[in-house]
Protein backbone atom coordinates (compact mmCIF):
# COMPACT_ATOMS: atom_id res chain seq x y z
CA MET A 1 27.87 78.30 -14.44
CA THR A 2 31.23 80.02 -14.77
CA PRO A 3 34.09 77.70 -15.75
CA SER A 4 36.99 77.44 -13.32
CA SER A 5 39.96 79.67 -14.03
CA ASP A 6 42.14 76.67 -14.93
CA GLU A 7 39.55 75.21 -17.33
CA TRP A 8 38.87 78.57 -18.92
CA SER A 9 42.56 79.44 -19.22
CA THR A 10 43.27 76.15 -21.00
CA ARG A 11 40.41 76.65 -23.45
CA HIS A 12 41.45 80.23 -24.18
CA SER A 13 45.22 79.89 -24.14
CA VAL A 14 47.30 81.57 -26.79
CA GLN A 15 47.80 78.21 -28.53
CA ALA A 16 44.05 77.53 -28.49
CA VAL A 17 43.30 80.96 -30.00
CA ALA A 18 46.05 80.45 -32.58
CA ARG A 19 44.60 77.03 -33.52
CA ARG A 20 41.17 78.66 -33.85
CA THR A 21 42.72 81.38 -36.01
CA ALA A 22 44.29 78.87 -38.41
CA ALA A 23 41.07 76.83 -38.59
CA LEU A 24 38.98 79.93 -39.29
CA VAL A 25 41.41 81.33 -41.88
CA ASN A 26 41.21 77.98 -43.68
CA ALA A 27 37.41 77.71 -43.43
CA LEU A 28 36.86 81.32 -44.44
CA SER A 29 39.09 80.83 -47.49
CA GLU A 30 36.63 78.29 -48.87
CA GLU A 31 34.09 79.38 -51.47
CA GLU A 32 31.04 80.87 -49.77
CA PRO A 33 31.34 79.49 -46.23
CA THR A 34 27.94 79.52 -44.57
CA PRO A 35 27.22 81.19 -41.23
CA GLY A 36 26.26 77.77 -39.84
CA VAL A 37 29.61 76.20 -40.78
CA ILE A 38 31.56 79.08 -39.26
CA ALA A 39 29.40 79.08 -36.11
CA GLU A 40 29.99 75.35 -35.66
CA LEU A 41 33.74 75.86 -36.06
CA LEU A 42 33.64 78.60 -33.42
CA ARG A 43 31.82 76.25 -31.04
CA GLU A 44 34.40 73.52 -31.73
CA HIS A 45 37.06 76.02 -30.66
CA GLY A 46 35.48 77.03 -27.36
CA GLU A 47 32.78 79.59 -28.09
CA VAL A 48 29.87 79.06 -25.74
CA GLY A 49 26.35 80.33 -25.86
CA SER A 50 24.62 81.62 -28.93
CA VAL A 51 26.76 82.08 -32.04
CA ASP A 52 24.40 83.90 -34.37
CA LEU A 53 26.29 84.87 -37.50
CA SER A 54 24.80 86.67 -40.46
CA PRO A 55 26.15 86.53 -44.01
CA SER A 56 27.62 90.01 -43.45
CA ASP A 57 29.38 88.78 -40.27
CA VAL A 58 30.94 85.98 -42.32
CA ALA A 59 31.94 88.48 -45.02
CA GLU A 60 33.69 90.65 -42.40
CA MET A 61 35.42 87.59 -40.98
CA ARG A 62 36.52 86.59 -44.50
CA ALA A 63 38.08 90.05 -44.95
CA ALA A 64 39.94 89.57 -41.65
CA ALA A 65 41.08 86.10 -42.77
CA VAL A 66 42.64 87.61 -45.91
CA LEU A 67 44.64 90.01 -43.72
CA LEU A 68 45.68 87.27 -41.30
CA ARG A 69 46.80 85.02 -44.16
CA GLU A 70 49.59 87.58 -44.77
CA VAL A 71 51.04 86.75 -41.34
CA PHE A 72 51.07 83.03 -42.16
CA ALA A 73 52.60 83.76 -45.58
CA ALA A 74 55.56 85.60 -44.03
CA ALA A 75 58.76 83.63 -44.58
CA HIS A 76 60.71 85.56 -41.95
CA VAL A 77 59.87 86.71 -38.43
CA ASP A 78 60.59 90.36 -39.34
CA VAL A 79 57.98 90.25 -42.10
CA ALA A 80 55.40 88.53 -39.88
CA ALA A 81 55.99 91.13 -37.14
CA SER A 82 55.72 93.96 -39.64
CA VAL A 83 52.39 92.65 -40.96
CA LEU A 84 51.05 92.25 -37.43
CA ASN A 85 52.22 95.72 -36.46
CA ARG A 86 50.40 97.16 -39.49
CA LEU A 87 47.20 95.29 -38.60
CA LEU A 88 47.42 96.39 -34.98
CA ARG A 89 47.95 100.04 -35.99
CA GLN A 90 45.23 100.15 -38.62
CA SER A 91 42.31 98.30 -37.25
CA LEU A 92 42.29 97.41 -33.60
CA GLY A 93 41.34 99.00 -30.30
CA THR A 94 43.44 99.33 -27.20
CA VAL A 95 44.19 96.45 -24.89
CA ARG A 96 41.47 96.04 -22.29
CA LEU A 97 40.44 93.43 -19.74
CA THR A 98 36.99 91.86 -19.75
CA SER A 99 35.10 89.20 -17.85
CA HIS A 100 32.11 89.38 -20.20
CA GLY A 101 29.88 90.63 -17.41
CA GLY A 102 31.26 88.16 -14.87
CA LEU A 103 30.68 85.10 -17.06
CA THR A 104 34.39 84.35 -17.52
CA PRO A 105 37.65 85.00 -15.67
CA TRP A 106 39.30 88.29 -16.61
CA HIS A 107 41.25 88.17 -19.87
CA PRO A 108 42.63 90.62 -22.46
CA HIS A 109 40.84 91.80 -25.59
CA LEU A 110 41.92 94.14 -28.37
CA ASP A 111 38.49 94.68 -29.90
CA SER A 112 36.47 97.82 -29.14
CA ASP A 113 34.04 96.22 -26.67
CA ASP A 114 32.33 92.97 -25.70
CA ASP A 115 29.68 93.54 -28.37
CA ALA A 116 32.19 94.24 -31.17
CA PRO A 117 31.31 92.84 -34.59
CA TRP A 118 32.50 89.27 -35.27
CA GLY A 119 35.02 90.40 -37.90
CA GLU A 120 36.63 92.89 -35.50
CA TRP A 121 36.72 90.31 -32.71
CA PHE A 122 38.25 87.66 -34.99
CA LEU A 123 40.98 89.98 -36.27
CA ALA A 124 41.76 91.36 -32.80
CA SER A 125 41.91 88.04 -30.94
CA SER A 126 43.92 86.46 -33.75
CA CYS A 127 46.43 89.30 -33.88
CA MET A 128 46.92 89.08 -30.13
CA ALA A 129 47.57 85.32 -30.22
CA LEU A 130 49.90 85.51 -33.23
CA MET A 131 51.75 88.44 -31.64
CA VAL A 132 52.39 86.41 -28.47
CA LEU A 133 53.59 83.42 -30.54
CA ILE A 134 56.09 85.61 -32.39
CA TRP A 135 57.22 87.15 -29.12
CA ASP A 136 57.56 83.75 -27.45
CA HIS A 137 59.25 81.82 -30.29
CA GLN A 138 60.97 84.59 -32.32
CA ARG A 139 59.84 83.05 -35.62
CA PRO A 140 56.80 83.27 -37.88
CA PRO A 141 53.80 81.68 -36.16
CA GLY A 142 53.02 79.40 -39.11
CA GLY A 143 53.05 79.11 -42.85
CA LEU A 144 51.19 78.27 -46.03
CA CYS A 145 50.94 74.65 -47.13
CA ALA A 146 53.54 73.88 -49.82
CA SER A 147 51.16 71.58 -51.69
CA PRO A 148 50.03 73.29 -54.90
CA SER A 149 46.58 71.75 -54.47
CA CYS A 150 46.09 73.16 -50.94
CA ARG A 151 45.52 76.72 -49.74
CA ASN A 152 45.56 75.98 -45.99
CA VAL A 153 47.61 77.78 -43.37
CA TYR A 154 49.18 75.96 -40.44
CA LEU A 155 50.78 76.79 -37.12
CA THR A 156 54.44 76.13 -36.43
CA GLN A 157 54.50 74.13 -33.24
CA GLY A 158 57.47 73.01 -31.24
CA SER A 159 61.04 72.67 -32.37
CA GLY A 160 62.50 70.47 -35.03
CA LEU A 161 62.56 70.72 -38.79
CA PRO A 162 60.48 73.51 -40.31
CA ARG A 163 57.06 72.41 -41.53
CA ARG A 164 56.14 72.70 -45.19
CA TYR A 165 52.69 71.14 -45.23
CA CYS A 166 49.50 71.75 -43.27
CA SER A 167 48.91 68.05 -42.62
CA ARG A 168 50.37 64.59 -43.01
CA ARG A 169 47.83 64.01 -45.77
CA CYS A 170 49.25 66.87 -47.89
CA ALA A 171 52.85 65.83 -47.17
CA THR A 172 52.12 62.22 -48.14
CA ARG A 173 50.23 63.25 -51.27
CA GLU A 174 53.18 65.37 -52.41
CA ARG A 175 55.75 62.64 -51.62
CA VAL A 176 53.72 60.10 -53.60
CA ALA A 177 53.34 62.53 -56.51
CA ALA A 178 57.10 63.23 -56.52
CA HIS A 179 57.84 59.50 -56.41
CA ARG A 180 55.50 58.85 -59.34
CA ARG A 181 57.05 61.70 -61.35
CA ALA A 182 60.57 60.36 -60.68
CA ARG A 183 59.50 56.84 -61.61
CA ALA A 184 57.83 57.99 -64.82
CA ALA A 185 60.97 59.94 -65.80
CA ARG A 186 63.13 56.77 -65.72
């Protein structure tokens, strides 16, 4: 059964793809992520049907995650755009529309075809989402967690003060550590 256009569009919105990108970059940065863990994460972020990943698929996705981390590490929109432009020039196909053989509503892809390797698909879909976020907000699409004990990336969402941490847990941990250091210094 094909999902309705509204349901599918919501699941595959730019924000949803960007959230999937950040989650995958974080998971693929872990030591030796297993194909099962990455497949489950893909399903959590909207992939349907069979997600059969091999260790080499995960290795290719890890290589893409390293490249995408550079976009999140960019402190300025010009740097983030430059990194994305380099990735788009070096490794991606042309923009094309697909409906995956009529199984989904039409949507854009930057990978070479519907059967592109997982690493190519991950890099292409992530670059497209991050590109649209930069275009839409005119700022880097996210950042690296400021906690020295965390390597996670995060998305910048909404307006307000710039984020420094990937989660409330990291922010709280760092505030408590700073408080304890200040108290011990008295």
